[in-house]
Every structure is written in C-alpha cells, then in structure tokens.
C-alpha cells in the first residue's frame, strides 16, 4: 500500500500544467454553451441578431 502512495506524486510543473488544462477546458465549455443558449433564446424570442466579429448586435 505504501508503494502505491509513493507513485502518486505529481511534481509542481506537471501539477500546474494539469490545473491549467482543466481550468481552460471548463472555461471553454462555459463560453461555448453560453453562446449557444443565447442564440437559441434569440431564435425563440424572434429577435433578429447578427454576429459581428466579437459581438451580437440587433439588425
């Protein structure tokens, strides 16, 4: 049992890289679904929105 615990060590460089990968993945998913939900809501409300470079604007 002790040898298994000793093999579970993650050095600080790998740990921070893993943390950054998880955090960026979660934020990407959050932004993606937020944009999809906004698009679906705008379709259901009947409001026309056009997408410019970084923003959605009314027609």
N, C-alpha and C. Protein backbone atom coordinates (compact mmCIF):
# COMPACT_ATOMS: atom_id res chain seq x y z
N UNK A 1 0.82 -1.20 0.00
CA UNK A 1 0.00 0.00 0.00
C UNK A 1 0.87 1.26 0.00
N UNK A 2 1.95 1.25 0.71
CA UNK A 2 2.83 2.41 0.78
C UNK A 2 3.48 2.69 -0.56
N UNK A 3 3.83 1.66 -1.31
CA UNK A 3 4.48 1.88 -2.61
C UNK A 3 3.51 2.52 -3.61
N UNK A 4 2.22 2.26 -3.50
CA UNK A 4 1.23 2.87 -4.39
C UNK A 4 1.13 4.36 -4.10
N UNK A 5 1.13 4.73 -2.83
CA UNK A 5 1.04 6.14 -2.46
C UNK A 5 2.28 6.89 -2.92
N UNK A 6 3.43 6.29 -2.85
CA UNK A 6 4.66 6.95 -3.28
C UNK A 6 4.67 7.19 -4.78
N UNK A 7 4.01 6.38 -5.55
CA UNK A 7 3.99 6.54 -7.00
C UNK A 7 2.96 7.57 -7.48
N UNK A 8 2.16 8.11 -6.58
CA UNK A 8 1.13 9.07 -6.94
C UNK A 8 1.63 10.52 -6.90
N UNK A 9 2.90 10.73 -6.76
CA UNK A 9 3.46 12.08 -6.66
C UNK A 9 3.39 12.80 -8.01
N UNK A 10 2.95 14.06 -7.97
CA UNK A 10 2.93 14.91 -9.16
C UNK A 10 3.80 16.11 -8.83
N UNK A 11 4.82 16.34 -9.64
CA UNK A 11 5.70 17.48 -9.37
C UNK A 11 4.98 18.78 -9.69
N UNK A 12 5.44 19.91 -9.14
CA UNK A 12 4.74 21.19 -9.31
C UNK A 12 4.55 21.62 -10.76
N UNK A 13 5.50 21.36 -11.62
CA UNK A 13 5.36 21.75 -13.03
C UNK A 13 4.23 21.00 -13.71
N UNK A 14 4.18 19.70 -13.51
CA UNK A 14 3.11 18.90 -14.11
C UNK A 14 1.77 19.21 -13.48
N UNK A 15 1.77 19.47 -12.19
CA UNK A 15 0.52 19.79 -11.49
C UNK A 15 -0.07 21.09 -11.99
N UNK A 16 0.77 22.11 -12.18
CA UNK A 16 0.25 23.39 -12.66
C UNK A 16 -0.22 23.28 -14.11
N UNK A 17 0.47 22.50 -14.92
CA UNK A 17 0.04 22.29 -16.30
C UNK A 17 -1.31 21.57 -16.34
N UNK A 18 -1.47 20.56 -15.51
CA UNK A 18 -2.73 19.84 -15.43
C UNK A 18 -3.85 20.77 -14.96
N UNK A 19 -3.57 21.60 -13.97
CA UNK A 19 -4.56 22.55 -13.46
C UNK A 19 -4.97 23.54 -14.56
N UNK A 20 -4.02 24.06 -15.32
CA UNK A 20 -4.32 24.98 -16.41
C UNK A 20 -5.15 24.33 -17.50
N UNK A 21 -4.85 23.08 -17.81
CA UNK A 21 -5.62 22.37 -18.84
C UNK A 21 -7.07 22.17 -18.40
N UNK A 22 -7.26 21.78 -17.16
CA UNK A 22 -8.62 21.56 -16.65
C UNK A 22 -9.38 22.88 -16.60
N UNK A 23 -8.75 23.93 -16.10
CA UNK A 23 -9.41 25.23 -15.99
C UNK A 23 -9.76 25.79 -17.37
N UNK A 24 -8.85 25.72 -18.32
CA UNK A 24 -9.15 26.25 -19.66
C UNK A 24 -10.23 25.42 -20.35
N UNK A 25 -10.25 24.12 -20.13
CA UNK A 25 -11.31 23.29 -20.70
C UNK A 25 -12.67 23.64 -20.14
N UNK A 26 -12.75 23.85 -18.84
CA UNK A 26 -14.03 24.22 -18.21
C UNK A 26 -14.51 25.59 -18.68
N UNK A 27 -13.60 26.54 -18.79
CA UNK A 27 -13.99 27.88 -19.26
C UNK A 27 -14.42 27.86 -20.72
N UNK A 28 -13.77 27.04 -21.53
CA UNK A 28 -14.16 26.92 -22.94
C UNK A 28 -15.56 26.35 -23.06
N UNK A 29 -15.85 25.33 -22.28
CA UNK A 29 -17.19 24.73 -22.30
C UNK A 29 -18.22 25.74 -21.84
N UNK A 30 -17.92 26.51 -20.80
CA UNK A 30 -18.83 27.51 -20.28
C UNK A 30 -19.16 28.57 -21.33
N UNK A 31 -18.15 29.10 -21.99
CA UNK A 31 -18.36 30.14 -23.00
C UNK A 31 -19.12 29.58 -24.20
N UNK A 32 -18.78 28.38 -24.62
CA UNK A 32 -19.45 27.77 -25.77
C UNK A 32 -20.95 27.60 -25.50
N UNK A 33 -21.31 27.02 -24.36
CA UNK A 33 -22.72 26.78 -24.08
C UNK A 33 -23.47 28.07 -23.80
N UNK A 34 -22.78 29.07 -23.28
CA UNK A 34 -23.43 30.36 -23.06
C UNK A 34 -23.81 30.99 -24.39
N UNK A 35 -22.91 30.91 -25.36
CA UNK A 35 -23.21 31.46 -26.69
C UNK A 35 -24.33 30.68 -27.37
N UNK A 36 -24.33 29.36 -27.23
CA UNK A 36 -25.37 28.54 -27.84
C UNK A 36 -26.72 28.86 -27.21
N UNK A 37 -26.77 28.99 -25.89
CA UNK A 37 -28.03 29.29 -25.21
C UNK A 37 -28.54 30.68 -25.61
N UNK A 38 -27.64 31.65 -25.75
CA UNK A 38 -28.05 32.99 -26.19
C UNK A 38 -28.64 32.93 -27.59
N UNK A 39 -28.02 32.15 -28.47
CA UNK A 39 -28.51 32.03 -29.84
C UNK A 39 -29.90 31.37 -29.87
N UNK A 40 -30.08 30.32 -29.09
CA UNK A 40 -31.37 29.62 -29.04
C UNK A 40 -32.45 30.55 -28.47
N UNK A 41 -32.13 31.29 -27.41
CA UNK A 41 -33.09 32.22 -26.83
C UNK A 41 -33.48 33.30 -27.83
N UNK A 42 -32.51 33.80 -28.59
CA UNK A 42 -32.83 34.84 -29.57
C UNK A 42 -33.71 34.29 -30.69
N UNK A 43 -33.53 33.03 -31.05
CA UNK A 43 -34.41 32.42 -32.06
C UNK A 43 -35.83 32.26 -31.53
N UNK A 44 -35.95 31.84 -30.27
CA UNK A 44 -37.27 31.61 -29.70
C UNK A 44 -38.01 32.92 -29.44
N UNK A 45 -37.30 33.97 -29.14
CA UNK A 45 -37.93 35.26 -28.89
C UNK A 45 -38.27 35.98 -30.19
N UNK A 46 -37.70 35.54 -31.29
CA UNK A 46 -37.99 36.15 -32.58
C UNK A 46 -37.20 37.41 -32.84
N UNK A 47 -36.24 37.68 -32.03
CA UNK A 47 -35.41 38.87 -32.25
C UNK A 47 -34.30 38.50 -33.23
N UNK A 48 -34.07 39.39 -34.15
CA UNK A 48 -33.02 39.14 -35.12
C UNK A 48 -31.69 39.67 -34.62
N UNK A 49 -30.73 38.83 -34.54
CA UNK A 49 -29.39 39.25 -34.14
C UNK A 49 -28.40 38.81 -35.20
N UNK A 50 -27.45 39.67 -35.49
CA UNK A 50 -26.38 39.30 -36.38
C UNK A 50 -25.09 39.26 -35.59
N UNK A 51 -24.20 38.41 -35.98
CA UNK A 51 -22.95 38.27 -35.25
C UNK A 51 -21.86 39.03 -36.00
N UNK A 52 -21.27 40.00 -35.31
CA UNK A 52 -20.12 40.69 -35.85
C UNK A 52 -18.89 39.97 -35.33
N UNK A 53 -17.73 40.59 -35.41
CA UNK A 53 -16.51 39.91 -35.02
C UNK A 53 -16.57 39.31 -33.61
N UNK A 54 -16.89 40.12 -32.61
CA UNK A 54 -16.87 39.63 -31.25
C UNK A 54 -18.18 39.88 -30.51
N UNK A 55 -19.19 40.44 -31.20
CA UNK A 55 -20.42 40.79 -30.52
C UNK A 55 -21.62 40.37 -31.34
N UNK A 56 -22.75 40.24 -30.65
CA UNK A 56 -24.03 40.04 -31.32
C UNK A 56 -24.76 41.37 -31.27
N UNK A 57 -25.26 41.82 -32.41
CA UNK A 57 -25.94 43.10 -32.49
C UNK A 57 -27.31 42.92 -33.11
N UNK A 58 -28.25 43.82 -32.74
CA UNK A 58 -29.57 43.78 -33.33
C UNK A 58 -29.50 44.23 -34.78
N UNK A 59 -30.41 43.70 -35.60
CA UNK A 59 -30.50 44.10 -37.02
C UNK A 59 -31.14 45.46 -37.12
